Amino acid sequence: MMGSGKSTVGKILAEVLGYSFFDSDKLVEQAVGMPSVAQIFKVHSEAFFRDNESSVLRDLSSMRRLVVATGGGAVIRPVNWKNMKKGLSVWLDVPLEALARRIAKVGTASRPLLDQPSGDPYTMAFSKLSTLAEQRGDAYANADVRVSLEEIAAKLGHDDVSKLTPIDIALEALHKIESFVMEDTVTGSQTEPQAQWIQTL
């Protein structure tokens, strides 16, 4: 979901693994020649953005040894899953309250699906995130690996996920990825490219 820390955690994972890092939103912005996703939505449409996002993910899926931070809505198109399943997918599962707090703190102008002209930023963000979570929940559950920030916080003795650092989250993600790869290797279902293409959802 937007605001979950995909890019920050993805960069750490790429550095640890010695992989390249790509942010699919940034690649769409470059391809379209516009400075932000918000502007693409405004000038063109969400559908236009999604079409370009699918093209970017298709191109990335042919590459190896990379970590990709996808846009939060990439999961809604089956064609994107077809490409993402060429790698290993990681879902950063952040409580909606924490996401809404993060987004309200920095503002919604850069997040076209949340940007509202008026109203309490936290309340508006939480309401829209709740709707998006309901729409996308099953799709996020398709990920190979789920990294629950609530579970990490509990394990580390924190009462609030906002106390977690990106490194805490990345370490848990690496642990979960390793378990997934080892389990699939043992069962014989692991495909060679999968461990070389990781996207954070």
N, C-alpha and C. Protein backbone atom coordinates (compact mmCIF):
# COMPACT_ATOMS: atom_id res chain seq x y z
N MET A 1 0.85 -1.19 0.00
CA MET A 1 0.00 0.00 0.00
C MET A 1 0.89 1.24 0.00
N MET A 2 0.36 2.33 -0.55
CA MET A 2 1.12 3.59 -0.56
C MET A 2 1.52 3.97 0.87
N GLY A 3 2.73 4.49 1.00
CA GLY A 3 3.21 4.92 2.31
C GLY A 3 3.76 3.82 3.18
N SER A 4 3.84 2.60 2.65
CA SER A 4 4.29 1.47 3.48
C SER A 4 5.81 1.39 3.60
N GLY A 5 6.52 2.19 2.82
CA GLY A 5 7.99 2.16 2.90
C GLY A 5 8.62 1.26 1.86
N LYS A 6 7.89 0.97 0.78
CA LYS A 6 8.40 0.04 -0.24
C LYS A 6 9.75 0.46 -0.81
N SER A 7 9.85 1.74 -1.17
CA SER A 7 11.10 2.21 -1.78
C SER A 7 12.26 2.18 -0.80
N THR A 8 12.01 2.64 0.41
CA THR A 8 13.08 2.67 1.42
C THR A 8 13.57 1.26 1.74
N VAL A 9 12.63 0.36 2.02
CA VAL A 9 12.99 -1.03 2.34
C VAL A 9 13.59 -1.72 1.12
N GLY A 10 13.01 -1.44 -0.05
CA GLY A 10 13.52 -2.05 -1.29
C GLY A 10 14.97 -1.70 -1.55
N LYS A 11 15.34 -0.44 -1.30
CA LYS A 11 16.73 -0.03 -1.50
C LYS A 11 17.68 -0.77 -0.56
N ILE A 12 17.23 -0.97 0.68
CA ILE A 12 18.06 -1.71 1.64
C ILE A 12 18.23 -3.16 1.18
N LEU A 13 17.13 -3.78 0.76
CA LEU A 13 17.20 -5.17 0.28
C LEU A 13 18.16 -5.27 -0.91
N ALA A 14 18.05 -4.33 -1.84
CA ALA A 14 18.92 -4.37 -3.02
C ALA A 14 20.38 -4.24 -2.63
N GLU A 15 20.66 -3.34 -1.68
CA GLU A 15 22.04 -3.14 -1.25
C GLU A 15 22.60 -4.40 -0.59
N VAL A 16 21.80 -5.02 0.28
CA VAL A 16 22.25 -6.23 0.97
C VAL A 16 22.48 -7.37 -0.01
N LEU A 17 21.57 -7.50 -0.98
CA LEU A 17 21.65 -8.61 -1.94
C LEU A 17 22.63 -8.34 -3.08
N GLY A 18 23.06 -7.09 -3.22
CA GLY A 18 23.93 -6.74 -4.34
C GLY A 18 23.15 -6.68 -5.64
N TYR A 19 21.87 -6.33 -5.56
CA TYR A 19 21.00 -6.24 -6.73
C TYR A 19 20.80 -4.77 -7.10
N SER A 20 20.28 -4.54 -8.30
CA SER A 20 19.87 -3.20 -8.71
C SER A 20 18.51 -2.90 -8.09
N PHE A 21 18.21 -1.62 -7.91
CA PHE A 21 16.91 -1.23 -7.37
C PHE A 21 16.16 -0.35 -8.37
N PHE A 22 14.87 -0.61 -8.53
CA PHE A 22 14.02 0.22 -9.38
C PHE A 22 12.72 0.52 -8.66
N ASP A 23 12.24 1.74 -8.83
CA ASP A 23 10.93 2.15 -8.35
C ASP A 23 10.06 2.28 -9.60
N SER A 24 9.03 1.44 -9.72
CA SER A 24 8.25 1.43 -10.96
C SER A 24 7.54 2.77 -11.21
N ASP A 25 7.12 3.47 -10.14
CA ASP A 25 6.48 4.78 -10.33
C ASP A 25 7.46 5.75 -10.99
N LYS A 26 8.71 5.75 -10.52
CA LYS A 26 9.72 6.65 -11.10
C LYS A 26 9.97 6.32 -12.56
N LEU A 27 9.97 5.03 -12.90
CA LEU A 27 10.19 4.63 -14.29
C LEU A 27 9.03 5.06 -15.18
N VAL A 28 7.81 5.00 -14.65
CA VAL A 28 6.65 5.49 -15.42
C VAL A 28 6.77 6.99 -15.64
N GLU A 29 7.15 7.73 -14.59
CA GLU A 29 7.32 9.17 -14.72
C GLU A 29 8.33 9.50 -15.82
N GLN A 30 9.45 8.76 -15.84
CA GLN A 30 10.48 8.99 -16.85
C GLN A 30 9.96 8.65 -18.25
N ALA A 31 9.25 7.53 -18.37
CA ALA A 31 8.74 7.09 -19.67
C ALA A 31 7.74 8.08 -20.25
N VAL A 32 6.92 8.65 -19.37
CA VAL A 32 5.87 9.58 -19.81
C VAL A 32 6.40 11.01 -19.92
N GLY A 33 7.54 11.27 -19.26
CA GLY A 33 8.11 12.62 -19.29
C GLY A 33 7.39 13.60 -18.39
N MET A 34 6.92 13.10 -17.26
CA MET A 34 6.22 13.96 -16.30
C MET A 34 6.87 13.80 -14.93
N PRO A 35 6.84 14.86 -14.10
CA PRO A 35 7.58 14.83 -12.84
C PRO A 35 6.96 14.02 -11.71
N SER A 36 5.68 13.66 -11.81
CA SER A 36 5.06 12.95 -10.69
C SER A 36 3.88 12.11 -11.15
N VAL A 37 3.57 11.09 -10.36
CA VAL A 37 2.39 10.26 -10.61
C VAL A 37 1.13 11.11 -10.50
N ALA A 38 1.12 12.02 -9.52
CA ALA A 38 -0.04 12.89 -9.33
C ALA A 38 -0.33 13.69 -10.59
N GLN A 39 0.72 14.18 -11.25
CA GLN A 39 0.52 14.97 -12.46
C GLN A 39 0.04 14.08 -13.61
N ILE A 40 0.54 12.86 -13.69
CA ILE A 40 0.09 11.92 -14.73
C ILE A 40 -1.40 11.66 -14.57
N PHE A 41 -1.83 11.43 -13.34
CA PHE A 41 -3.26 11.21 -13.08
C PHE A 41 -4.08 12.44 -13.51
N LYS A 42 -3.55 13.62 -13.19
CA LYS A 42 -4.29 14.86 -13.45
C LYS A 42 -4.38 15.17 -14.94
N VAL A 43 -3.26 15.05 -15.64
CA VAL A 43 -3.21 15.42 -17.06
C VAL A 43 -3.81 14.33 -17.95
N HIS A 44 -3.56 13.09 -17.60
CA HIS A 44 -4.04 11.97 -18.41
C HIS A 44 -5.19 11.29 -17.67
N SER A 45 -4.88 10.21 -16.95
CA SER A 45 -5.90 9.49 -16.18
C SER A 45 -5.21 8.38 -15.42
N GLU A 46 -5.95 7.78 -14.47
CA GLU A 46 -5.39 6.63 -13.77
C GLU A 46 -5.16 5.48 -14.74
N ALA A 47 -6.10 5.28 -15.68
CA ALA A 47 -5.97 4.18 -16.65
C ALA A 47 -4.70 4.34 -17.49
N PHE A 48 -4.40 5.57 -17.89
CA PHE A 48 -3.18 5.85 -18.66
C PHE A 48 -1.95 5.48 -17.84
N PHE A 49 -1.97 5.88 -16.56
CA PHE A 49 -0.86 5.53 -15.68
C PHE A 49 -0.73 4.02 -15.55
N ARG A 50 -1.84 3.32 -15.32
CA ARG A 50 -1.82 1.87 -15.13
C ARG A 50 -1.29 1.15 -16.38
N ASP A 51 -1.65 1.64 -17.56
CA ASP A 51 -1.15 1.03 -18.79
C ASP A 51 0.37 1.14 -18.86
N ASN A 52 0.88 2.32 -18.53
CA ASN A 52 2.33 2.52 -18.54
C ASN A 52 3.02 1.73 -17.44
N GLU A 53 2.37 1.61 -16.30
CA GLU A 53 2.90 0.81 -15.20
C GLU A 53 3.04 -0.65 -15.63
N SER A 54 2.03 -1.16 -16.30
CA SER A 54 2.08 -2.55 -16.78
C SER A 54 3.21 -2.76 -17.77
N SER A 55 3.44 -1.77 -18.64
CA SER A 55 4.55 -1.86 -19.60
C SER A 55 5.90 -1.89 -18.89
N VAL A 56 6.04 -1.04 -17.87
CA VAL A 56 7.29 -0.99 -17.10
C VAL A 56 7.53 -2.32 -16.39
N LEU A 57 6.49 -2.88 -15.77
CA LEU A 57 6.65 -4.15 -15.05
C LEU A 57 6.95 -5.30 -16.02
N ARG A 58 6.37 -5.24 -17.21
CA ARG A 58 6.67 -6.26 -18.23
C ARG A 58 8.16 -6.20 -18.59
N ASP A 59 8.67 -4.99 -18.82
CA ASP A 59 10.08 -4.83 -19.19
C ASP A 59 11.00 -5.29 -18.05
N LEU A 60 10.65 -4.92 -16.81
CA LEU A 60 11.48 -5.30 -15.67
C LEU A 60 11.48 -6.81 -15.46
N SER A 61 10.39 -7.48 -15.81
CA SER A 61 10.28 -8.92 -15.55
C SER A 61 11.26 -9.75 -16.37
N SER A 62 11.82 -9.15 -17.41
CA SER A 62 12.80 -9.89 -18.22
C SER A 62 14.21 -9.74 -17.67
N MET A 63 14.36 -8.91 -16.64
CA MET A 63 15.68 -8.68 -16.05
C MET A 63 15.90 -9.58 -14.84
N ARG A 64 17.14 -9.65 -14.39
CA ARG A 64 17.49 -10.48 -13.23
C ARG A 64 18.27 -9.65 -12.22
N ARG A 65 18.32 -10.16 -11.00
CA ARG A 65 19.10 -9.55 -9.93
C ARG A 65 18.68 -8.10 -9.69
N LEU A 66 17.39 -7.91 -9.41
CA LEU A 66 16.89 -6.59 -9.11
C LEU A 66 15.78 -6.65 -8.08
N VAL A 67 15.62 -5.55 -7.37
CA VAL A 67 14.52 -5.37 -6.44
C VAL A 67 13.67 -4.23 -7.01
N VAL A 68 12.37 -4.45 -7.07
CA VAL A 68 11.45 -3.45 -7.63
C VAL A 68 10.43 -3.04 -6.58
N ALA A 69 10.31 -1.74 -6.35
CA ALA A 69 9.22 -1.22 -5.52
C ALA A 69 8.10 -0.86 -6.49
N THR A 70 7.00 -1.59 -6.42
CA THR A 70 5.88 -1.32 -7.32
C THR A 70 4.97 -0.26 -6.71
N GLY A 71 4.14 0.33 -7.55
CA GLY A 71 3.09 1.19 -7.03
C GLY A 71 2.10 0.33 -6.27
N GLY A 72 1.43 0.91 -5.27
CA GLY A 72 0.50 0.14 -4.45
C GLY A 72 -0.66 -0.46 -5.21
N GLY A 73 -1.01 0.14 -6.36
CA GLY A 73 -2.13 -0.37 -7.14
C GLY A 73 -1.75 -1.35 -8.22
N ALA A 74 -0.47 -1.67 -8.34
CA ALA A 74 -0.02 -2.60 -9.39
C ALA A 74 -0.70 -3.97 -9.27
N VAL A 75 -1.10 -4.30 -8.04
CA VAL A 75 -1.67 -5.64 -7.78
C VAL A 75 -3.05 -5.83 -8.38
N ILE A 76 -3.72 -4.75 -8.82
CA ILE A 76 -5.10 -4.90 -9.27
C ILE A 76 -5.22 -5.46 -10.68
N ARG A 77 -4.13 -5.49 -11.43
CA ARG A 77 -4.19 -6.02 -12.79
C ARG A 77 -3.56 -7.40 -12.86
N PRO A 78 -4.32 -8.40 -13.31
CA PRO A 78 -3.77 -9.76 -13.42
C PRO A 78 -2.51 -9.82 -14.29
N VAL A 79 -2.44 -9.00 -15.35
CA VAL A 79 -1.26 -9.03 -16.21
C VAL A 79 -0.01 -8.64 -15.42
N ASN A 80 -0.16 -7.76 -14.44
CA ASN A 80 1.00 -7.39 -13.61
C ASN A 80 1.45 -8.56 -12.77
N TRP A 81 0.48 -9.33 -12.24
CA TRP A 81 0.85 -10.51 -11.45
C TRP A 81 1.58 -11.53 -12.31
N LYS A 82 1.16 -11.64 -13.56
CA LYS A 82 1.84 -12.57 -14.47
C LYS A 82 3.33 -12.21 -14.55
N ASN A 83 3.61 -10.93 -14.62
CA ASN A 83 5.00 -10.48 -14.68
C ASN A 83 5.69 -10.54 -13.32
N MET A 84 4.97 -10.16 -12.26
CA MET A 84 5.59 -10.17 -10.93
C MET A 84 5.90 -11.59 -10.47
N LYS A 85 5.11 -12.56 -10.92
CA LYS A 85 5.35 -13.95 -10.52
C LYS A 85 6.59 -14.55 -11.19
N LYS A 86 7.22 -13.79 -12.07
CA LYS A 86 8.50 -14.22 -12.62
C LYS A 86 9.60 -13.99 -11.58
N GLY A 87 9.22 -13.30 -10.53
CA GLY A 87 10.14 -13.05 -9.42
C GLY A 87 9.48 -13.49 -8.13
N LEU A 88 9.95 -12.92 -7.05
CA LEU A 88 9.43 -13.23 -5.72
C LEU A 88 8.81 -11.95 -5.17
N SER A 89 7.57 -12.02 -4.73
CA SER A 89 6.88 -10.81 -4.27
C SER A 89 6.80 -10.75 -2.75
N VAL A 90 7.01 -9.54 -2.23
CA VAL A 90 6.99 -9.30 -0.79
C VAL A 90 5.95 -8.23 -0.49
N TRP A 91 5.01 -8.56 0.39
CA TRP A 91 3.97 -7.62 0.81
C TRP A 91 4.35 -7.02 2.15
N LEU A 92 4.56 -5.70 2.18
CA LEU A 92 4.79 -5.00 3.44
C LEU A 92 3.42 -4.64 4.01
N ASP A 93 3.01 -5.40 5.00
CA ASP A 93 1.68 -5.28 5.59
C ASP A 93 1.74 -4.32 6.79
N VAL A 94 1.29 -3.10 6.55
CA VAL A 94 1.34 -2.04 7.56
C VAL A 94 -0.09 -1.73 8.02
N PRO A 95 -0.34 -1.62 9.32
CA PRO A 95 -1.68 -1.26 9.79
C PRO A 95 -2.15 0.05 9.15
N LEU A 96 -3.43 0.12 8.79
CA LEU A 96 -3.96 1.30 8.11
C LEU A 96 -3.82 2.57 8.94
N GLU A 97 -3.95 2.44 10.27
CA GLU A 97 -3.82 3.61 11.13
C GLU A 97 -2.42 4.22 10.99
N ALA A 98 -1.42 3.36 10.94
CA ALA A 98 -0.04 3.84 10.82
C ALA A 98 0.18 4.48 9.45
N LEU A 99 -0.37 3.87 8.40
CA LEU A 99 -0.25 4.45 7.06
C LEU A 99 -0.90 5.82 7.01
N ALA A 100 -2.11 5.92 7.57
CA ALA A 100 -2.84 7.19 7.55
C ALA A 100 -2.06 8.27 8.30
N ARG A 101 -1.43 7.91 9.42
CA ARG A 101 -0.64 8.88 10.19
C ARG A 101 0.55 9.36 9.36
N ARG A 102 1.25 8.42 8.72
CA ARG A 102 2.40 8.78 7.90
C ARG A 102 2.01 9.72 6.77
N ILE A 103 0.93 9.36 6.08
CA ILE A 103 0.51 10.13 4.91
C ILE A 103 -0.02 11.51 5.32
N ALA A 104 -0.78 11.56 6.41
CA ALA A 104 -1.31 12.84 6.89
C ALA A 104 -0.17 13.77 7.29
N LYS A 105 0.90 13.20 7.81
CA LYS A 105 2.04 13.99 8.29
C LYS A 105 2.75 14.70 7.12
N VAL A 106 2.90 13.98 6.00
CA VAL A 106 3.63 14.55 4.86
C VAL A 106 2.71 15.20 3.83
N GLY A 107 1.40 14.95 3.94
CA GLY A 107 0.45 15.52 3.00
C GLY A 107 0.08 14.54 1.90
N THR A 108 -1.03 14.83 1.24
CA THR A 108 -1.55 13.90 0.23
C THR A 108 -1.36 14.38 -1.20
N ALA A 109 -0.74 15.53 -1.38
CA ALA A 109 -0.62 16.11 -2.72
C ALA A 109 0.07 15.18 -3.71
N SER A 110 1.04 14.39 -3.24
CA SER A 110 1.77 13.48 -4.13
C SER A 110 1.07 12.14 -4.30
N ARG A 111 -0.08 11.98 -3.64
CA ARG A 111 -0.81 10.71 -3.71
C ARG A 111 -2.20 10.97 -4.29
N PRO A 112 -2.32 10.85 -5.62
CA PRO A 112 -3.56 11.26 -6.29
C PRO A 112 -4.81 10.52 -5.83
N LEU A 113 -4.68 9.29 -5.38
CA LEU A 113 -5.87 8.56 -4.93
C LEU A 113 -6.34 9.02 -3.55
N LEU A 114 -5.50 9.77 -2.86
CA LEU A 114 -5.86 10.23 -1.51
C LEU A 114 -6.08 11.73 -1.42
N ASP A 115 -5.61 12.46 -2.43
CA ASP A 115 -5.63 13.92 -2.32
C ASP A 115 -7.06 14.45 -2.27
N GLN A 116 -7.37 15.16 -1.20
CA GLN A 116 -8.70 15.73 -0.99
C GLN A 116 -8.55 17.22 -0.72
N PRO A 117 -9.44 18.04 -1.28
CA PRO A 117 -9.32 19.48 -1.10
C PRO A 117 -9.55 19.96 0.33
N SER A 118 -10.35 19.22 1.09
CA SER A 118 -10.64 19.67 2.45
C SER A 118 -10.87 18.48 3.37
N GLY A 119 -10.94 18.77 4.67
CA GLY A 119 -11.16 17.71 5.65
C GLY A 119 -9.91 17.40 6.42
N ASP A 120 -10.08 16.71 7.53
CA ASP A 120 -8.95 16.32 8.36
C ASP A 120 -8.09 15.31 7.60
N PRO A 121 -6.79 15.61 7.40
CA PRO A 121 -5.93 14.74 6.59
C PRO A 121 -5.91 13.29 7.07
N TYR A 122 -5.82 13.08 8.39
CA TYR A 122 -5.77 11.71 8.90
C TYR A 122 -7.09 10.97 8.60
N THR A 123 -8.20 11.60 8.91
CA THR A 123 -9.51 10.96 8.71
C THR A 123 -9.74 10.64 7.25
N MET A 124 -9.42 11.60 6.37
CA MET A 124 -9.60 11.39 4.93
C MET A 124 -8.69 10.27 4.43
N ALA A 125 -7.44 10.28 4.87
CA ALA A 125 -6.49 9.25 4.43
C ALA A 125 -6.93 7.88 4.93
N PHE A 126 -7.33 7.80 6.19
CA PHE A 126 -7.74 6.51 6.76
C PHE A 126 -8.97 5.96 6.02
N SER A 127 -9.91 6.82 5.73
CA SER A 127 -11.13 6.40 5.03
C SER A 127 -10.81 5.84 3.64
N LYS A 128 -9.98 6.57 2.89
CA LYS A 128 -9.64 6.12 1.54
C LYS A 128 -8.76 4.86 1.58
N LEU A 129 -7.83 4.81 2.51
CA LEU A 129 -6.97 3.62 2.64
C LEU A 129 -7.81 2.39 2.98
N SER A 130 -8.81 2.57 3.82
CA SER A 130 -9.70 1.45 4.18
C SER A 130 -10.41 0.90 2.95
N THR A 131 -10.88 1.82 2.10
CA THR A 131 -11.55 1.40 0.85
C THR A 131 -10.57 0.67 -0.06
N LEU A 132 -9.38 1.23 -0.22
CA LEU A 132 -8.36 0.60 -1.07
C LEU A 132 -7.96 -0.77 -0.53
N ALA A 133 -7.82 -0.88 0.79
CA ALA A 133 -7.44 -2.15 1.40
C ALA A 133 -8.51 -3.22 1.15
N GLU A 134 -9.76 -2.80 1.21
CA GLU A 134 -10.85 -3.73 0.95
C GLU A 134 -10.83 -4.19 -0.50
N GLN A 135 -10.54 -3.26 -1.41
CA GLN A 135 -10.49 -3.60 -2.84
C GLN A 135 -9.28 -4.46 -3.19
N ARG A 136 -8.16 -4.22 -2.52
CA ARG A 136 -6.90 -4.85 -2.91
C ARG A 136 -6.44 -5.98 -1.99
N GLY A 137 -7.15 -6.18 -0.88
CA GLY A 137 -6.69 -7.13 0.13
C GLY A 137 -6.38 -8.51 -0.41
N ASP A 138 -7.29 -9.07 -1.21
CA ASP A 138 -7.05 -10.41 -1.77
C ASP A 138 -5.86 -10.41 -2.71
N ALA A 139 -5.69 -9.31 -3.44
CA ALA A 139 -4.57 -9.23 -4.38
C ALA A 139 -3.24 -9.18 -3.63
N TYR A 140 -3.18 -8.39 -2.55
CA TYR A 140 -1.94 -8.35 -1.77
C TYR A 140 -1.61 -9.73 -1.19
N ALA A 141 -2.64 -10.47 -0.84
CA ALA A 141 -2.44 -11.80 -0.26
C ALA A 141 -1.83 -12.78 -1.25
N ASN A 142 -1.76 -12.43 -2.53
CA ASN A 142 -1.11 -13.29 -3.53
C ASN A 142 0.42 -13.28 -3.40
N ALA A 143 0.94 -12.34 -2.63
CA ALA A 143 2.39 -12.22 -2.51
C ALA A 143 3.00 -13.51 -1.95
N ASP A 144 4.22 -13.78 -2.38
CA ASP A 144 4.92 -14.98 -1.89
C ASP A 144 5.26 -14.86 -0.42
N VAL A 145 5.57 -13.64 0.01
CA VAL A 145 6.03 -13.39 1.38
C VAL A 145 5.24 -12.21 1.96
N ARG A 146 4.73 -12.37 3.17
CA ARG A 146 4.05 -11.28 3.87
C ARG A 146 4.90 -10.85 5.05
N VAL A 147 5.22 -9.56 5.10
CA VAL A 147 5.99 -9.01 6.21
C VAL A 147 5.05 -8.12 7.01
N SER A 148 4.62 -8.60 8.17
CA SER A 148 3.68 -7.87 9.02
C SER A 148 4.44 -6.98 9.99
N LEU A 149 4.22 -5.68 9.88
CA LEU A 149 4.90 -4.76 10.79
C LEU A 149 4.42 -4.93 12.22
N GLU A 150 3.16 -5.33 12.40
CA GLU A 150 2.66 -5.58 13.75
C GLU A 150 3.42 -6.75 14.39
N GLU A 151 3.69 -7.80 13.60
CA GLU A 151 4.43 -8.96 14.13
C GLU A 151 5.85 -8.57 14.48
N ILE A 152 6.49 -7.76 13.62
CA ILE A 152 7.87 -7.32 13.91
C ILE A 152 7.90 -6.49 15.20
N ALA A 153 6.94 -5.57 15.32
CA ALA A 153 6.89 -4.71 16.51
C ALA A 153 6.72 -5.55 17.77
N ALA A 154 5.82 -6.53 17.71
CA ALA A 154 5.59 -7.40 18.87
C ALA A 154 6.85 -8.17 19.22
N LYS A 155 7.53 -8.67 18.21
CA LYS A 155 8.76 -9.45 18.41
C LYS A 155 9.85 -8.60 19.07
N LEU A 156 9.91 -7.32 18.69
CA LEU A 156 10.94 -6.43 19.21
C LEU A 156 10.51 -5.69 20.48
N GLY A 157 9.28 -5.97 20.95
CA GLY A 157 8.80 -5.35 22.18
C GLY A 157 8.31 -3.93 22.04
N HIS A 158 7.92 -3.53 20.82
CA HIS A 158 7.39 -2.19 20.59
C HIS A 158 5.87 -2.24 20.64
N ASP A 159 5.25 -1.19 21.15
CA ASP A 159 3.79 -1.14 21.18
C ASP A 159 3.23 -0.36 19.99
N ASP A 160 4.13 0.13 19.12
CA ASP A 160 3.70 0.94 17.98
C ASP A 160 4.64 0.65 16.81
N VAL A 161 4.06 0.37 15.63
CA VAL A 161 4.89 0.05 14.46
C VAL A 161 5.72 1.25 14.01
N SER A 162 5.34 2.46 14.41
CA SER A 162 6.11 3.64 14.01
C SER A 162 7.50 3.66 14.65
N LYS A 163 7.71 2.81 15.65
CA LYS A 163 9.03 2.74 16.30
C LYS A 163 10.00 1.85 15.51
N LEU A 164 9.48 1.13 14.52
CA LEU A 164 10.34 0.27 13.71
C LEU A 164 11.16 1.11 12.73
N THR A 165 12.39 0.68 12.49
CA THR A 165 13.23 1.34 11.50
C THR A 165 13.11 0.57 10.17
N PRO A 166 13.45 1.22 9.06
CA PRO A 166 13.46 0.50 7.78
C PRO A 166 14.37 -0.73 7.82
N ILE A 167 15.44 -0.65 8.60
CA ILE A 167 16.35 -1.81 8.71
C ILE A 167 15.67 -2.96 9.44
N ASP A 168 14.89 -2.66 10.50
CA ASP A 168 14.12 -3.71 11.18
C ASP A 168 13.23 -4.44 10.17
N ILE A 169 12.56 -3.68 9.34
CA ILE A 169 11.62 -4.25 8.37
C ILE A 169 12.36 -5.03 7.29
N ALA A 170 13.46 -4.46 6.81
CA ALA A 170 14.25 -5.15 5.77
C ALA A 170 14.83 -6.46 6.29
N LEU A 171 15.29 -6.48 7.54
CA LEU A 171 15.84 -7.72 8.10
C LEU A 171 14.77 -8.81 8.18
N GLU A 172 13.56 -8.42 8.60
CA GLU A 172 12.47 -9.38 8.65
C GLU A 172 12.12 -9.87 7.25
N ALA A 173 12.12 -8.95 6.28
CA ALA A 173 11.83 -9.32 4.90
C ALA A 173 12.86 -10.33 4.39
N LEU A 174 14.13 -10.08 4.68
CA LEU A 174 15.19 -11.00 4.24
C LEU A 174 15.02 -12.37 4.88
N HIS A 175 14.66 -12.39 6.16
CA HIS A 175 14.43 -13.65 6.86
C HIS A 175 13.27 -14.42 6.21
N LYS A 176 12.18 -13.71 5.91
CA LYS A 176 11.01 -14.35 5.30
C LYS A 176 11.33 -14.84 3.88
N ILE A 177 12.10 -14.04 3.14
CA ILE A 177 12.49 -14.42 1.78
C ILE A 177 13.34 -15.69 1.83
N GLU A 178 14.30 -15.71 2.76
CA GLU A 178 15.16 -16.89 2.90
C GLU A 178 14.33 -18.13 3.22
N SER A 179 13.39 -17.99 4.14
CA SER A 179 12.53 -19.13 4.50
C SER A 179 11.72 -19.61 3.31
N PHE A 180 11.19 -18.67 2.54
CA PHE A 180 10.39 -19.02 1.36
C PHE A 180 11.24 -19.75 0.33
N VAL A 181 12.43 -19.21 0.05
CA VAL A 181 13.30 -19.83 -0.95
C VAL A 181 13.75 -21.21 -0.50
N MET A 182 14.12 -21.34 0.78
CA MET A 182 14.56 -22.63 1.29
C MET A 182 13.43 -23.66 1.24
N GLU A 183 12.23 -23.24 1.61
CA GLU A 183 11.08 -24.14 1.60
C GLU A 183 10.78 -24.61 0.18
N ASP A 184 10.82 -23.68 -0.78
CA ASP A 184 10.55 -24.06 -2.16
C ASP A 184 11.66 -24.91 -2.75
N THR A 185 12.90 -24.66 -2.31
CA THR A 185 14.01 -25.46 -2.79
C THR A 185 13.86 -26.91 -2.32
N VAL A 186 13.45 -27.06 -1.06
CA VAL A 186 13.26 -28.40 -0.50
C VAL A 186 12.14 -29.14 -1.21
N THR A 187 11.05 -28.42 -1.52
CA THR A 187 9.91 -29.07 -2.17
C THR A 187 10.12 -29.21 -3.68
N GLY A 188 11.16 -28.52 -4.19
CA GLY A 188 11.47 -28.67 -5.61
C GLY A 188 10.67 -27.76 -6.52
N SER A 189 9.93 -26.81 -5.95
CA SER A 189 9.09 -25.96 -6.79
C SER A 189 9.73 -24.60 -7.07
N GLN A 190 10.89 -24.35 -6.50
CA GLN A 190 11.55 -23.06 -6.72
C GLN A 190 12.08 -22.97 -8.14
N THR A 191 11.71 -21.90 -8.83
CA THR A 191 12.24 -21.67 -10.17
C THR A 191 13.44 -20.76 -10.06
N GLU A 192 14.42 -20.98 -10.89
CA GLU A 192 15.70 -20.27 -10.79
C GLU A 192 15.57 -18.75 -10.81
N PRO A 193 14.74 -18.16 -11.70
CA PRO A 193 14.70 -16.71 -11.71
C PRO A 193 14.04 -16.08 -10.49
N GLN A 194 13.22 -16.86 -9.78
CA GLN A 194 12.39 -16.26 -8.76
C GLN A 194 13.18 -15.51 -7.69
N ALA A 195 14.27 -16.07 -7.26
CA ALA A 195 15.05 -15.43 -6.20
C ALA A 195 15.85 -14.25 -6.72
N GLN A 196 15.83 -14.04 -8.04
CA GLN A 196 16.63 -12.97 -8.60
C GLN A 196 15.80 -11.75 -9.00
N TRP A 197 14.53 -11.77 -8.68
CA TRP A 197 13.65 -10.65 -9.05
C TRP A 197 12.66 -10.48 -7.93
N ILE A 198 12.85 -9.47 -7.11
CA ILE A 198 12.02 -9.30 -5.92
C ILE A 198 11.31 -7.96 -6.01
N GLN A 199 10.00 -7.99 -5.80
CA GLN A 199 9.27 -6.72 -5.75
C GLN A 199 8.64 -6.56 -4.38
N THR A 200 8.67 -5.35 -3.89
CA THR A 200 8.02 -5.05 -2.61
C THR A 200 6.70 -4.39 -2.91
N LEU A 201 5.64 -4.91 -2.34
CA LEU A 201 4.29 -4.40 -2.59
C LEU A 201 3.85 -3.48 -1.48
